[in-house]
Structure formats: structure tokens, C-alpha cells
Amino acid sequence: MKTAEIYVDGSHNTENNTYGFGAIIHMDGKKYIVCDKSEKNVLRHGSTAGEYWGVIRGISAAQALNAERVIIYFDCASIEKVAKSNKKYKPQISYVYNRYMKEKEKELIIEFVKFKGHSGNLKHNEADTLARYMTGSKLSENKRKMCEDMIRGRIREE
């Protein structure tokens, strides 16, 4: 069974009204980079908007790579909670994420692995740094260069 491990993180920057995400997919000995930013008015949701968007785009990319199973590594509790809930969500972003995940459960095996953020998980740290880079947050020169290299490469052998 083709399995994709997706490390995801979201970020928001209130200085420039931007949110973004970094999703790093590990599959078949390769690392795939998926990242983006938006200036849409969803900042009231904080980095959660980026977290949800990162999961959605990560799953979409994994399916394009013919994944049959995805394992999502995350640090935001609502990633799993909202995905599995049968509750009717009022915030549009939670509603869209919940409906998307319900549909994907019919197509894929989806597993969730939560861990404490900023706890030293190197793969997740890359996703976190990438999400912050996408929003224009201040980063050290080394981290900025790392993100630029990851984005330029997009796919790498591990």
C-alpha cells in the first residue's frame, strides 16, 4: 500500500494580513514540498487557516502521487478534531475542511499523529519554517535560504 507521510504546519502574519502553510510529503524515498500563502481575510482564524489548507493541499498532492494511505503529522489539535467530527461547523473554513476530510475518508486511509509543537521534530520543524517563510515572517538567513532551496527543489531524493 502506497503511504504518504505529511508533515504540515500553518502560520499567519498580522503585519501583512497573510496566512500560509508548509506541507512536506515523504513518500517512496522522496520528499515533496507543497507550500503557498494567501491574503484572504481569514486571519481571525489565526494559523488554523494555514493548517487546514496545508492538510487539504498535502492530501491532494499525495493522491496525485497515487497514495492510498496518508499519515498526517500535526501540532494543531483541531486538525484531527474537526476532520473527524460530525458537528455542523459555523466558521466557513472549518466547515469546508470538515466536508473535504469526510469525502477523502471515502477514498483514502487517513491517520493522524499529533505531537507537541516546537518539540524538536525535525521534519515538522521544516514544515513550520516553510509556513513562516510563506507569510513573510522574519527568519534567520540560514532558515530563509533553506526555504528557498526547498521551494526551488520541490522534489528531493531522501
Protein backbone atom coordinates (compact mmCIF):
# COMPACT_ATOMS: atom_id res chain seq x y z
CA MET A 1 0.00 0.00 0.00
CA LYS A 2 1.47 3.35 -1.06
CA THR A 3 1.77 5.53 2.04
CA ALA A 4 2.45 9.26 2.22
CA GLU A 5 3.61 10.86 5.45
CA ILE A 6 2.56 14.51 5.51
CA TYR A 7 4.11 16.96 7.96
CA VAL A 8 2.02 20.11 8.00
CA ASP A 9 2.06 23.47 9.70
CA GLY A 10 0.32 26.78 9.22
CA SER A 11 1.27 30.33 10.08
CA HIS A 12 -0.20 33.78 9.95
CA ASN A 13 1.34 37.22 9.88
CA THR A 14 -0.85 40.05 11.15
CA GLU A 15 1.60 42.68 9.88
CA ASN A 16 0.85 41.90 6.23
CA ASN A 17 -2.52 40.09 6.63
CA THR A 18 -1.14 36.86 5.19
CA TYR A 19 -1.52 33.25 6.17
CA GLY A 20 0.35 30.32 4.70
CA PHE A 21 1.28 26.71 5.10
CA GLY A 22 4.11 24.30 4.62
CA ALA A 23 3.38 20.65 3.89
CA ILE A 24 6.21 18.20 3.40
CA ILE A 25 5.30 14.82 1.97
CA HIS A 26 7.61 11.85 2.46
CA MET A 27 6.80 9.04 0.06
CA ASP A 28 8.73 6.36 -1.83
CA GLY A 29 12.09 7.69 -0.63
CA LYS A 30 11.37 11.19 -1.89
CA LYS A 31 10.44 14.46 -0.23
CA TYR A 32 7.81 16.62 -1.91
CA ILE A 33 7.31 20.26 -0.93
CA VAL A 34 3.87 21.86 -1.03
CA CYS A 35 3.52 25.43 0.19
CA ASP A 36 1.56 28.58 -0.50
CA LYS A 37 0.24 31.78 1.01
CA SER A 38 -2.92 33.82 0.77
CA GLU A 39 -4.00 37.29 1.68
CA LYS A 40 -7.65 36.35 2.00
CA ASN A 41 -9.45 37.73 5.01
CA VAL A 42 -9.38 34.68 7.27
CA LEU A 43 -6.86 35.98 9.80
CA ARG A 44 -9.44 35.83 12.55
CA HIS A 45 -8.81 32.08 12.39
CA GLY A 46 -5.09 32.62 13.03
CA SER A 47 -2.73 29.97 11.78
CA THR A 48 -5.60 27.45 11.70
CA ALA A 49 -6.45 28.62 8.17
CA GLY A 50 -2.95 27.65 7.07
CA GLU A 51 -3.11 24.36 8.96
CA TYR A 52 -6.33 23.30 7.23
CA TRP A 53 -5.17 24.47 3.83
CA GLY A 54 -1.89 22.61 4.30
CA VAL A 55 -3.69 19.34 5.03
CA ILE A 56 -6.01 19.80 2.05
CA ARG A 57 -3.20 20.60 -0.37
CA GLY A 58 -0.97 17.87 1.11
CA ILE A 59 -3.63 15.21 0.67
CA SER A 60 -4.34 16.42 -2.86
CA ALA A 61 -0.64 16.16 -3.76
CA ALA A 62 -0.37 12.72 -2.13
CA GLN A 63 -3.33 11.49 -4.16
CA ALA A 64 -1.69 12.80 -7.33
CA LEU A 65 1.26 10.58 -6.37
CA ASN A 66 -1.16 7.63 -6.06
CA ALA A 67 -1.08 7.38 -2.28
CA GLU A 68 -3.65 5.02 -0.81
CA ARG A 69 -2.89 5.90 2.79
CA VAL A 70 -1.83 9.20 4.36
CA ILE A 71 -0.43 9.82 7.79
CA ILE A 72 -0.78 13.45 8.84
CA TYR A 73 1.70 14.73 11.43
CA PHE A 74 0.49 17.93 13.08
CA ASP A 75 0.63 20.07 16.20
CA CYS A 76 -2.74 21.88 15.95
CA ALA A 77 -5.43 19.94 17.85
CA SER A 78 -8.25 20.99 15.54
CA ILE A 79 -6.66 19.20 12.55
CA GLU A 80 -7.90 15.82 13.77
CA LYS A 81 -10.84 17.00 15.86
CA VAL A 82 -12.58 18.92 13.05
CA ALA A 83 -11.73 16.26 10.43
CA LYS A 84 -13.41 13.50 12.44
CA SER A 85 -16.34 15.47 13.84
CA ASN A 86 -19.95 15.09 12.77
CA LYS A 87 -20.73 18.53 14.12
CA LYS A 88 -22.08 21.23 11.78
CA TYR A 89 -19.43 23.94 11.80
CA LYS A 90 -20.34 27.61 11.51
CA PRO A 91 -16.96 29.12 10.62
CA GLN A 92 -16.76 28.63 6.85
CA ILE A 93 -13.14 27.46 6.98
CA SER A 94 -13.90 24.69 9.49
CA TYR A 95 -16.96 23.64 7.52
CA VAL A 96 -15.01 23.38 4.24
CA TYR A 97 -12.18 21.46 5.91
CA ASN A 98 -14.58 19.06 7.63
CA ARG A 99 -16.50 18.32 4.40
CA TYR A 100 -13.26 17.82 2.45
CA MET A 101 -11.93 15.36 5.01
CA LYS A 102 -15.23 13.43 5.11
CA GLU A 103 -15.01 12.97 1.32
CA LYS A 104 -11.33 11.94 1.46
CA GLU A 105 -12.09 9.30 4.12
CA LYS A 106 -14.06 7.51 1.40
CA GLU A 107 -11.03 7.45 -0.92
CA LEU A 108 -8.04 7.01 1.40
CA ILE A 109 -6.94 5.59 4.70
CA ILE A 110 -6.22 8.68 6.80
CA GLU A 111 -4.31 8.53 10.07
CA PHE A 112 -3.39 11.37 12.40
CA VAL A 113 -0.33 11.71 14.61
CA LYS A 114 -0.35 14.68 16.99
CA PHE A 115 2.72 15.88 18.79
CA LYS A 116 3.70 18.92 20.76
CA GLY A 117 4.72 21.81 18.54
CA HIS A 118 8.29 23.07 18.67
CA SER A 119 9.34 19.89 20.42
CA GLY A 120 12.29 19.05 18.19
CA ASN A 121 10.62 17.01 15.45
CA LEU A 122 12.95 17.91 12.58
CA LYS A 123 10.51 17.03 9.80
CA HIS A 124 7.79 19.14 11.36
CA ASN A 125 10.24 21.96 12.03
CA GLU A 126 10.84 22.16 8.27
CA ALA A 127 7.09 22.49 7.65
CA ASP A 128 6.85 25.15 10.38
CA THR A 129 9.73 27.16 8.94
CA LEU A 130 8.30 26.88 5.45
CA ALA A 131 4.88 28.12 6.65
CA ARG A 132 6.51 31.11 8.36
CA TYR A 133 8.57 31.84 5.25
CA MET A 134 5.42 31.87 3.11
CA THR A 135 3.83 34.56 5.29
CA GLY A 136 6.89 36.81 5.16
CA SER A 137 7.70 36.33 8.84
CA LYS A 138 11.20 37.20 9.94
CA LEU A 139 13.61 34.27 9.72
CA SER A 140 17.33 33.88 10.09
CA GLU A 141 19.36 33.97 6.88
CA ASN A 142 20.01 30.21 7.16
CA LYS A 143 16.31 29.36 7.53
CA ARG A 144 15.34 31.70 4.69
CA LYS A 145 17.92 30.07 2.41
CA MET A 146 16.74 26.59 3.47
CA CYS A 147 13.17 27.51 2.45
CA GLU A 148 14.27 28.94 -0.87
CA ASP A 149 16.26 25.78 -1.58
CA MET A 150 13.30 23.56 -0.64
CA ILE A 151 10.92 25.52 -2.84
CA ARG A 152 13.36 25.51 -5.76
CA GLY A 153 13.86 21.74 -5.46
CA ARG A 154 10.22 20.77 -4.70
CA ILE A 155 11.11 17.07 -5.04
CA ARG A 156 14.21 15.51 -3.50
CA GLU A 157 15.61 12.06 -3.02
CA GLU A 158 15.89 11.23 0.69
